[in-house]
Amino acid sequence: MPSYRSLFRTPEFGPLFLGSAAQTAAQTVGGLALATLVYRATGSPLLSAVSMFGPSLAQVLGATFLLSGADRLPPRTALGAVALVFAAGTAAQALPGLPVGAVFGVVLALGLVASLGGGVRWGLLNEVLGRDSYLPGRSLFNMMSGLMQIAGFATGGALLAALSPRVCLLLAAALYLTAALVLRLGLTARPPRATGRPSASATWRTNALLWSSRARRLTYLGLWLPNGMVVGCESLYVSYAPHAAGTLFACGAFGMFAGDVTVGRLLPPAVRRRLATPLLLLLATPYLVFWAYPPLPVAMVCVAVASAGFGASLVQQERLMELTPGGLAGQALGLHSAGMLTFQGVSAALAGAVAQVTSPAAGMTVMAAGSVCVTLALATAGRRSPEPVQVQGQGHGQGQEPAGARPGRRRSSGRPGRSSGEARPGRA
């Protein structure tokens, strides 16, 4: 497996990494500021949770209509445009007197744009590094995301204590502009990975092809559902501990960082593949403690331990790439990202609704219990599934499945299938 240091010697990896770091920092500071702004204005756990994770709810629309652009648009242009749109939208949310309804309109519009950005970014990463280096590369991105969230939430909490949420939103917009500049200057003008114009019909056809394989369906569900419910728990930090939400988010980012280092660098492949389900159970079970409304120090430990389970996402992303031809990599990863963020947004709204009628602690407990049940159900379904023929090689630029990987074609095997989860928006 390539070392982390060797990845930075790969052309374009460094600028893509730095641009993504700036965007993660902007998302972290801006999300916390917006959730705080909405909670102060409305006092609603539901609206606060949706404001922070609301862009995820629009991902399903992007996955339905825009996702074919992940492989059919020039990566540098697409990534730069996405960063500029986020800069403009974040600045608009800082306008004084902007109605809450208008704030959510901007939130959903940004989520629609983000659905395309995820596919372009991860498809480009797969193209730049190749399949053999994708896992350590994605691990490094996840580690960066964890570190940026630790710094971002800690800094964001301090900034919110000294400045208004609107000023913090403007700082986040400036970070998005920085990301756009880094991506524009650091990336080369690569052509699209696939031919044809982006369209809704092309998106539908390729999504149907990706979804037609039972092995990929289970992989996608494992990436979307268990961690989405845990993100529902995280969406209630602001209402659970209004003055310490940044601390809880930072603890979660630290735990995720530790999990990514362990899974991405320390575990051999044979061991790593067997730990997907245990890691997902680790991701959810510590949140069951919140039923007792633990004091802040105990809550911090629970959050950090649970977040190490986000390392399960690396196992399933590796699995997804094994099952997907190279010409579909961008849309396959974009569908994973869009579906993940959609379920995270839905879970945040559901958790907020439960907290609205009960308490934030009860909402977190309900979502954690749901994640445990879904993880066990997917693990059972995986054990009953035959092992599929794995896709090898690249270059299927027209979006066709290679011979031996057609939907429905299977090779009998006694080995169980596997399922896993993914991190929340800034941790993808």
Protein backbone atom coordinates (compact mmCIF):
# COMPACT_ATOMS: atom_id res chain seq x y z
CA MET A 1 0.00 0.00 0.00
CA PRO A 2 1.45 3.44 -0.91
CA SER A 3 2.56 5.69 1.94
CA TYR A 4 0.74 8.92 2.67
CA ARG A 5 3.88 10.89 1.81
CA SER A 6 4.13 9.31 -1.64
CA LEU A 7 0.59 10.43 -2.47
CA PHE A 8 1.67 14.07 -2.36
CA ARG A 9 4.22 13.35 -5.08
CA THR A 10 1.33 12.49 -7.40
CA PRO A 11 0.50 15.47 -9.64
CA GLU A 12 -2.77 17.23 -8.71
CA PHE A 13 -3.24 15.34 -5.44
CA GLY A 14 -1.87 18.24 -3.37
CA PRO A 15 -4.12 20.97 -4.83
CA LEU A 16 -7.17 18.70 -4.64
CA PHE A 17 -6.32 17.91 -1.01
CA LEU A 18 -5.78 21.57 -0.05
CA GLY A 19 -8.89 22.77 -1.85
CA SER A 20 -10.98 20.13 -0.09
CA ALA A 21 -9.44 21.09 3.26
CA ALA A 22 -10.49 24.72 2.78
CA GLN A 23 -14.01 23.62 1.85
CA THR A 24 -14.24 21.36 4.90
CA ALA A 25 -13.16 24.21 7.16
CA ALA A 26 -15.73 26.50 5.53
CA GLN A 27 -18.48 23.91 5.92
CA THR A 28 -17.58 23.32 9.58
CA VAL A 29 -17.48 26.97 10.63
CA GLY A 30 -20.46 27.92 8.46
CA GLY A 31 -22.63 25.00 9.54
CA LEU A 32 -22.10 25.63 13.24
CA ALA A 33 -22.72 29.34 12.79
CA LEU A 34 -25.92 28.78 10.82
CA ALA A 35 -27.29 26.22 13.30
CA THR A 36 -26.57 28.63 16.16
CA LEU A 37 -28.19 31.52 14.30
CA VAL A 38 -31.36 29.54 13.60
CA TYR A 39 -31.55 28.11 17.14
CA ARG A 40 -31.22 31.58 18.68
CA ALA A 41 -33.94 32.90 16.38
CA THR A 42 -36.42 30.04 16.75
CA GLY A 43 -35.47 27.97 19.83
CA SER A 44 -36.35 24.87 17.77
CA PRO A 45 -34.14 21.73 17.87
CA LEU A 46 -35.77 20.61 14.60
CA LEU A 47 -34.99 23.79 12.67
CA SER A 48 -31.50 23.97 14.15
CA ALA A 49 -30.73 20.40 13.07
CA VAL A 50 -32.16 20.88 9.58
CA SER A 51 -30.31 24.16 9.08
CA MET A 52 -26.98 22.44 9.71
CA PHE A 53 -27.69 19.28 7.74
CA GLY A 54 -30.40 20.57 5.42
CA PRO A 55 -28.20 20.64 2.29
CA SER A 56 -28.18 16.87 2.55
CA LEU A 57 -31.92 16.72 1.91
CA ALA A 58 -31.46 18.12 -1.60
CA GLN A 59 -28.92 15.44 -2.49
CA VAL A 60 -31.65 13.09 -3.69
CA LEU A 61 -32.67 15.62 -6.35
CA GLY A 62 -29.09 16.03 -7.47
CA ALA A 63 -28.63 12.27 -7.60
CA THR A 64 -31.74 12.04 -9.77
CA PHE A 65 -31.08 14.84 -12.27
CA LEU A 66 -27.45 16.06 -12.11
CA LEU A 67 -25.19 13.16 -11.23
CA SER A 68 -24.28 12.19 -14.81
CA GLY A 69 -22.21 15.39 -14.84
CA ALA A 70 -19.77 13.77 -12.39
CA ASP A 71 -18.14 11.91 -15.30
CA ARG A 72 -19.22 14.18 -18.17
CA LEU A 73 -17.94 17.60 -17.01
CA PRO A 74 -14.33 18.84 -16.90
CA PRO A 75 -13.31 18.26 -13.26
CA ARG A 76 -11.39 21.52 -12.68
CA THR A 77 -14.18 23.71 -14.00
CA ALA A 78 -16.88 21.82 -12.11
CA LEU A 79 -15.07 21.84 -8.76
CA GLY A 80 -14.21 25.54 -9.00
CA ALA A 81 -17.80 26.44 -9.89
CA VAL A 82 -19.17 24.45 -6.95
CA ALA A 83 -16.84 26.27 -4.52
CA LEU A 84 -17.90 29.67 -5.92
CA VAL A 85 -21.59 28.83 -5.60
CA PHE A 86 -21.07 27.84 -1.97
CA ALA A 87 -19.21 31.07 -1.30
CA ALA A 88 -22.10 33.10 -2.70
CA GLY A 89 -24.76 31.07 -0.88
CA THR A 90 -22.99 31.22 2.47
CA ALA A 91 -22.55 34.98 2.15
CA ALA A 92 -26.25 35.32 1.32
CA GLN A 93 -27.19 33.48 4.54
CA ALA A 94 -25.35 36.19 6.49
CA LEU A 95 -27.63 38.98 5.21
CA PRO A 96 -29.32 40.78 8.15
CA GLY A 97 -33.07 40.32 8.29
CA LEU A 98 -33.11 37.33 5.95
CA PRO A 99 -36.25 35.31 6.78
CA VAL A 100 -35.80 31.80 8.09
CA GLY A 101 -37.69 30.47 5.06
CA ALA A 102 -35.22 32.15 2.72
CA VAL A 103 -32.32 30.73 4.73
CA PHE A 104 -33.65 27.22 4.16
CA GLY A 105 -34.19 27.96 0.48
CA VAL A 106 -30.49 28.76 0.15
CA VAL A 107 -29.60 25.68 2.21
CA LEU A 108 -31.51 23.38 -0.15
CA ALA A 109 -30.08 25.04 -3.26
CA LEU A 110 -26.56 24.49 -1.96
CA GLY A 111 -27.35 20.85 -1.27
CA LEU A 112 -28.43 20.41 -4.88
CA VAL A 113 -25.08 21.77 -6.09
CA ALA A 114 -23.16 19.67 -3.54
CA SER A 115 -24.59 16.45 -4.98
CA LEU A 116 -22.62 17.07 -8.16
CA GLY A 117 -19.46 18.24 -6.38
CA GLY A 118 -19.03 15.01 -4.42
CA GLY A 119 -19.10 12.83 -7.53
CA VAL A 120 -16.66 15.08 -9.39
CA ARG A 121 -14.20 15.24 -6.47
CA TRP A 122 -14.08 11.54 -5.67
CA GLY A 123 -14.12 10.53 -9.31
CA LEU A 124 -11.13 12.80 -9.91
CA LEU A 125 -9.36 11.35 -6.87
CA ASN A 126 -9.89 7.84 -8.23
CA GLU A 127 -8.56 9.00 -11.63
CA VAL A 128 -5.52 10.78 -10.20
CA LEU A 129 -4.48 7.95 -7.86
CA GLY A 130 -5.84 4.83 -9.55
CA ARG A 131 -7.65 1.99 -7.84
CA ASP A 132 -4.64 0.66 -5.96
CA SER A 133 -4.02 4.00 -4.23
CA TYR A 134 -7.63 5.11 -3.79
CA LEU A 135 -8.09 3.64 -0.31
CA PRO A 136 -5.04 5.33 1.30
CA GLY A 137 -5.92 8.52 -0.58
CA ARG A 138 -9.48 8.52 0.69
CA SER A 139 -8.21 7.63 4.16
CA LEU A 140 -5.95 10.68 4.06
CA PHE A 141 -8.87 12.85 2.96
CA ASN A 142 -10.96 11.54 5.83
CA MET A 143 -8.14 12.21 8.27
CA MET A 144 -7.81 15.73 6.92
CA SER A 145 -11.56 16.16 7.31
CA GLY A 146 -11.34 15.04 10.93
CA LEU A 147 -8.48 17.40 11.72
CA MET A 148 -10.18 20.32 9.96
CA GLN A 149 -13.37 19.63 11.90
CA ILE A 150 -11.50 19.50 15.20
CA ALA A 151 -9.92 22.84 14.40
CA GLY A 152 -13.04 24.22 12.71
CA PHE A 153 -15.51 23.39 15.47
CA ALA A 154 -13.12 24.53 18.18
CA THR A 155 -12.37 27.74 16.29
CA GLY A 156 -16.00 28.17 15.34
CA GLY A 157 -17.10 27.84 18.94
CA ALA A 158 -14.54 30.45 20.00
CA LEU A 159 -15.55 32.78 17.17
CA LEU A 160 -19.22 32.46 18.08
CA ALA A 161 -18.37 33.46 21.64
CA ALA A 162 -16.61 36.59 20.39
CA LEU A 163 -18.43 37.40 17.14
CA SER A 164 -21.92 37.12 15.74
CA PRO A 165 -23.01 34.08 13.69
CA ARG A 166 -23.34 36.30 10.62
CA VAL A 167 -19.67 37.35 10.80
CA CYS A 168 -18.72 33.68 11.09
CA LEU A 169 -20.76 32.93 7.96
CA LEU A 170 -18.81 35.59 6.06
CA LEU A 171 -15.55 34.01 7.20
CA ALA A 172 -16.81 30.67 5.89
CA ALA A 173 -17.63 32.31 2.54
CA ALA A 174 -14.04 33.60 2.35
CA LEU A 175 -12.76 30.05 2.90
CA TYR A 176 -14.91 28.81 0.01
CA LEU A 177 -13.37 31.50 -2.21
CA THR A 178 -9.91 30.34 -1.15
CA ALA A 179 -10.81 26.77 -2.11
CA ALA A 180 -12.01 27.89 -5.54
CA LEU A 181 -8.73 29.71 -6.15
CA VAL A 182 -6.58 26.74 -5.07
CA LEU A 183 -8.53 24.34 -7.30
CA ARG A 184 -8.39 26.66 -10.30
CA LEU A 185 -4.63 27.25 -10.05
CA GLY A 186 -3.55 23.79 -8.91
CA LEU A 187 -5.54 21.39 -11.10
CA THR A 188 -4.92 20.75 -14.77
CA ALA A 189 -7.63 20.98 -17.42
CA ARG A 190 -8.51 17.30 -17.69
CA PRO A 191 -11.19 16.17 -20.14
CA PRO A 192 -14.35 14.46 -18.84
CA ARG A 193 -14.02 10.75 -18.05
CA ALA A 194 -17.05 9.80 -20.15
CA THR A 195 -18.51 11.03 -23.40
CA GLY A 196 -21.94 12.55 -23.91
CA ARG A 197 -23.75 15.50 -22.41
CA PRO A 198 -24.92 15.49 -18.78
CA SER A 199 -28.65 14.93 -18.62
CA ALA A 200 -31.35 13.59 -16.37
CA SER A 201 -31.89 10.57 -18.64
CA ALA A 202 -28.16 9.68 -18.58
CA THR A 203 -28.21 10.00 -14.80
CA TRP A 204 -31.21 7.69 -14.53
CA ARG A 205 -29.73 5.05 -16.85
CA THR A 206 -26.42 4.84 -15.02
CA ASN A 207 -28.04 4.91 -11.59
CA ALA A 208 -30.27 2.03 -12.67
CA LEU A 209 -27.22 0.12 -13.88
CA LEU A 210 -25.39 0.71 -10.60
CA TRP A 211 -28.45 -0.27 -8.56
CA SER A 212 -29.11 -3.44 -10.60
CA SER A 213 -26.38 -5.41 -8.81
CA ARG A 214 -27.49 -6.85 -5.47
CA ALA A 215 -23.95 -6.63 -4.10
CA ARG A 216 -23.78 -2.92 -4.91
CA ARG A 217 -27.28 -2.35 -3.49
CA LEU A 218 -26.25 -3.81 -0.14
CA THR A 219 -23.03 -1.80 -0.24
CA TYR A 220 -24.90 1.42 -0.93
CA LEU A 221 -27.46 0.76 1.81
CA GLY A 222 -24.63 0.03 4.24
CA LEU A 223 -22.97 3.32 3.31
CA TRP A 224 -26.19 5.33 3.61
CA LEU A 225 -28.35 4.06 6.46
CA PRO A 226 -26.39 3.22 9.65
CA ASN A 227 -24.18 6.30 9.66
CA GLY A 228 -27.04 8.51 8.50
CA MET A 229 -28.92 7.68 11.68
CA VAL A 230 -25.85 8.43 13.78
CA VAL A 231 -25.54 11.80 12.07
CA GLY A 232 -29.10 12.33 13.29
CA CYS A 233 -27.66 12.01 16.79
CA GLU A 234 -24.94 14.53 15.97
CA SER A 235 -27.48 17.01 14.59
CA LEU A 236 -28.85 17.40 18.14
CA TYR A 237 -25.58 18.55 19.73
CA VAL A 238 -26.62 22.21 19.55
CA SER A 239 -29.91 21.59 21.36
CA TYR A 240 -28.41 19.00 23.75
CA ALA A 241 -25.58 21.27 24.91
CA PRO A 242 -26.03 24.74 23.38
CA HIS A 243 -22.83 26.13 24.92
CA ALA A 244 -20.67 23.07 24.24
CA ALA A 245 -21.82 21.88 20.81
CA GLY A 246 -18.48 22.83 19.26
CA THR A 247 -16.69 20.72 21.87
CA LEU A 248 -18.84 17.67 21.09
CA PHE A 249 -18.30 18.09 17.36
CA ALA A 250 -14.55 18.38 17.94
CA CYS A 251 -14.56 15.18 20.03
CA GLY A 252 -16.41 13.41 17.23
CA ALA A 253 -13.90 14.64 14.68
CA PHE A 254 -11.04 13.40 16.85
CA GLY A 255 -12.62 9.95 17.15
CA MET A 256 -13.19 9.80 13.40
CA PHE A 257 -9.56 10.74 12.81
CA ALA A 258 -8.39 7.90 15.05
CA GLY A 259 -10.68 5.43 13.31
CA ASP A 260 -9.50 6.45 9.84
CA VAL A 261 -5.83 6.14 10.79
CA THR A 262 -6.44 2.68 12.25
CA VAL A 263 -8.48 1.35 9.33
CA GLY A 264 -6.62 3.12 6.54
CA ARG A 265 -3.02 2.47 7.63
CA LEU A 266 -2.69 0.01 10.50
CA LEU A 267 -5.00 -2.86 9.59
CA PRO A 268 -4.10 -5.40 6.88
CA PRO A 269 -6.76 -5.90 4.18
CA ALA A 270 -7.89 -9.31 5.42
CA VAL A 271 -8.56 -7.96 8.92
CA ARG A 272 -10.02 -4.68 7.65
CA ARG A 273 -12.73 -6.41 5.61
CA ARG A 274 -13.97 -8.40 8.61
CA LEU A 275 -14.39 -5.32 10.81
CA ALA A 276 -17.06 -3.46 8.84
CA THR A 277 -20.03 -4.60 10.92
CA PRO A 278 -18.24 -4.32 14.32
CA LEU A 279 -17.18 -0.78 13.43
CA LEU A 280 -20.75 0.15 12.55
CA LEU A 281 -21.98 -1.22 15.86
CA LEU A 282 -19.30 0.81 17.60
CA LEU A 283 -20.54 3.86 15.70
CA ALA A 284 -24.03 3.66 17.22
CA THR A 285 -23.97 1.89 20.59
CA PRO A 286 -22.24 4.63 22.67
CA TYR A 287 -25.12 6.98 21.86
CA LEU A 288 -27.51 4.69 23.76
CA VAL A 289 -25.91 6.14 26.91
CA PHE A 290 -27.52 9.50 26.11
CA TRP A 291 -30.86 8.11 27.31
CA ALA A 292 -29.59 8.88 30.83
CA TYR A 293 -28.64 12.44 29.81
CA PRO A 294 -24.98 12.01 30.89
CA PRO A 295 -22.88 14.98 32.01
CA LEU A 296 -20.72 16.69 29.41
CA PRO A 297 -17.43 14.83 30.15
CA VAL A 298 -19.16 11.44 29.74
CA ALA A 299 -20.91 12.66 26.59
CA MET A 300 -17.56 13.75 25.14
CA VAL A 301 -16.04 10.31 25.69
CA CYS A 302 -19.07 8.56 24.17
CA VAL A 303 -18.96 10.78 21.09
CA ALA A 304 -15.21 10.25 20.55
CA VAL A 305 -15.44 6.46 20.94
CA ALA A 306 -18.48 6.21 18.67
CA SER A 307 -16.93 8.30 15.92
CA ALA A 308 -14.04 5.88 15.52
CA GLY A 309 -16.65 3.64 13.89
CA PHE A 310 -16.80 5.97 10.91
CA GLY A 311 -13.69 4.13 9.71
CA ALA A 312 -16.10 1.48 8.40
CA SER A 313 -16.73 3.75 5.42
CA LEU A 314 -13.25 3.08 4.04
CA VAL A 315 -13.96 -0.64 3.91
CA GLN A 316 -17.18 -0.16 1.96
CA GLN A 317 -15.78 2.44 -0.41
CA GLU A 318 -13.02 -0.02 -1.28
CA ARG A 319 -15.69 -2.64 -1.78
CA LEU A 320 -17.73 -0.35 -4.02
CA MET A 321 -14.73 0.36 -6.25
CA GLU A 322 -14.09 -3.37 -6.59
CA LEU A 323 -17.64 -3.80 -7.87
CA THR A 324 -17.69 -0.82 -10.26
CA PRO A 325 -16.04 -0.37 -13.70
CA GLY A 326 -13.68 2.60 -14.01
CA GLY A 327 -15.86 4.56 -16.43
CA LEU A 328 -18.62 4.69 -13.82
CA ALA A 329 -16.38 5.56 -10.87
CA GLY A 330 -17.39 9.22 -10.67
CA GLN A 331 -21.13 8.58 -10.76
CA ALA A 332 -20.82 5.52 -8.48
CA LEU A 333 -19.00 7.58 -5.86
CA GLY A 334 -21.34 10.51 -6.47
CA LEU A 335 -24.36 8.27 -5.90
CA HIS A 336 -22.74 7.04 -2.69
CA SER A 337 -22.08 10.62 -1.55
CA ALA A 338 -25.52 11.92 -2.57
CA GLY A 339 -27.38 9.03 -0.98
CA MET A 340 -25.29 9.26 2.17
CA LEU A 341 -25.94 12.97 2.58
CA THR A 342 -29.62 12.58 1.75
CA PHE A 343 -30.10 10.02 4.50
CA GLN A 344 -28.06 12.16 6.86
CA GLY A 345 -30.39 15.08 6.17
CA VAL A 346 -33.49 12.90 6.58
CA SER A 347 -32.10 11.49 9.81
CA ALA A 348 -31.30 14.98 11.10
CA ALA A 349 -34.89 16.05 10.40
CA LEU A 350 -36.28 12.88 12.01
CA ALA A 351 -34.03 13.26 15.07
CA GLY A 352 -35.06 16.89 15.38
CA ALA A 353 -38.73 15.94 15.18
CA VAL A 354 -38.32 13.32 17.93
CA ALA A 355 -36.41 15.80 20.07
CA GLN A 356 -39.11 18.40 19.48
CA VAL A 357 -41.78 16.24 21.15
CA THR A 358 -39.52 14.50 23.71
CA SER A 359 -35.95 15.70 24.37
CA PRO A 360 -32.64 15.87 22.51
CA ALA A 361 -31.33 12.97 24.62
CA ALA A 362 -34.31 10.81 23.68
CA GLY A 363 -33.93 11.71 20.01
CA MET A 364 -30.28 10.65 20.04
CA THR A 365 -31.11 7.35 21.72
CA VAL A 366 -33.86 6.50 19.23
CA MET A 367 -31.62 7.18 16.24
CA ALA A 368 -28.77 5.13 17.72
CA ALA A 369 -31.05 2.16 18.35
CA GLY A 370 -32.31 2.38 14.77
CA SER A 371 -28.72 2.36 13.46
CA VAL A 372 -27.91 -0.79 15.44
CA CYS A 373 -30.98 -2.58 14.06
CA VAL A 374 -30.23 -1.60 10.45
CA THR A 375 -26.59 -2.69 10.77
CA LEU A 376 -27.59 -6.13 12.03
CA ALA A 377 -30.21 -6.50 9.27
CA LEU A 378 -27.71 -5.61 6.53
CA ALA A 379 -25.11 -7.96 7.98
CA THR A 380 -27.66 -10.79 7.90
CA ALA A 381 -28.60 -9.99 4.29
CA GLY A 382 -24.92 -9.93 3.33
CA ARG A 383 -24.29 -13.37 4.77
CA ARG A 384 -27.14 -14.75 2.66
CA SER A 385 -25.74 -13.26 -0.56
CA PRO A 386 -23.30 -15.12 -2.82
CA GLU A 387 -20.00 -13.39 -3.52
CA PRO A 388 -20.21 -11.47 -6.83
CA VAL A 389 -17.65 -11.46 -9.58
CA GLN A 390 -15.38 -8.51 -8.88
CA VAL A 391 -14.79 -5.86 -11.52
CA GLN A 392 -11.16 -5.45 -12.55
CA GLY A 393 -9.48 -2.79 -14.63
CA GLN A 394 -10.52 0.61 -15.87
CA GLY A 395 -11.34 2.44 -19.02
CA HIS A 396 -15.04 1.74 -19.55
CA GLY A 397 -15.60 5.34 -20.45
CA GLN A 398 -19.02 4.81 -21.98
CA GLY A 399 -20.45 3.64 -18.70
CA GLN A 400 -20.77 -0.03 -19.63
CA GLU A 401 -20.28 -2.90 -17.25
CA PRO A 402 -17.42 -5.14 -18.34
CA ALA A 403 -18.01 -8.76 -19.20
CA GLY A 404 -18.34 -10.85 -16.07
CA ALA A 405 -19.85 -8.01 -14.05
CA ARG A 406 -23.31 -7.83 -15.55
CA PRO A 407 -26.24 -7.43 -13.17
CA GLY A 408 -27.39 -10.73 -11.82
CA ARG A 409 -24.28 -12.72 -12.73
CA ARG A 410 -22.81 -14.29 -9.62
CA ARG A 411 -20.15 -16.73 -8.60
CA SER A 412 -21.00 -19.08 -5.80
CA SER A 413 -18.96 -18.68 -2.67
CA GLY A 414 -19.29 -19.46 0.96
CA ARG A 415 -17.88 -16.10 1.99
CA PRO A 416 -20.35 -13.59 3.39
CA GLY A 417 -21.07 -10.23 1.82
CA ARG A 418 -20.11 -7.09 3.66
CA SER A 419 -21.76 -3.82 4.51
CA SER A 420 -20.58 -0.64 6.14
CA GLY A 421 -21.27 3.04 6.67
CA GLU A 422 -19.97 6.51 5.94
CA ALA A 423 -19.28 9.68 7.75
CA ARG A 424 -21.41 12.75 7.91
CA PRO A 425 -21.13 15.67 5.47
CA GLY A 426 -17.72 17.03 6.29
CA ARG A 427 -16.36 13.51 6.82
CA ALA A 428 -17.02 11.96 3.47
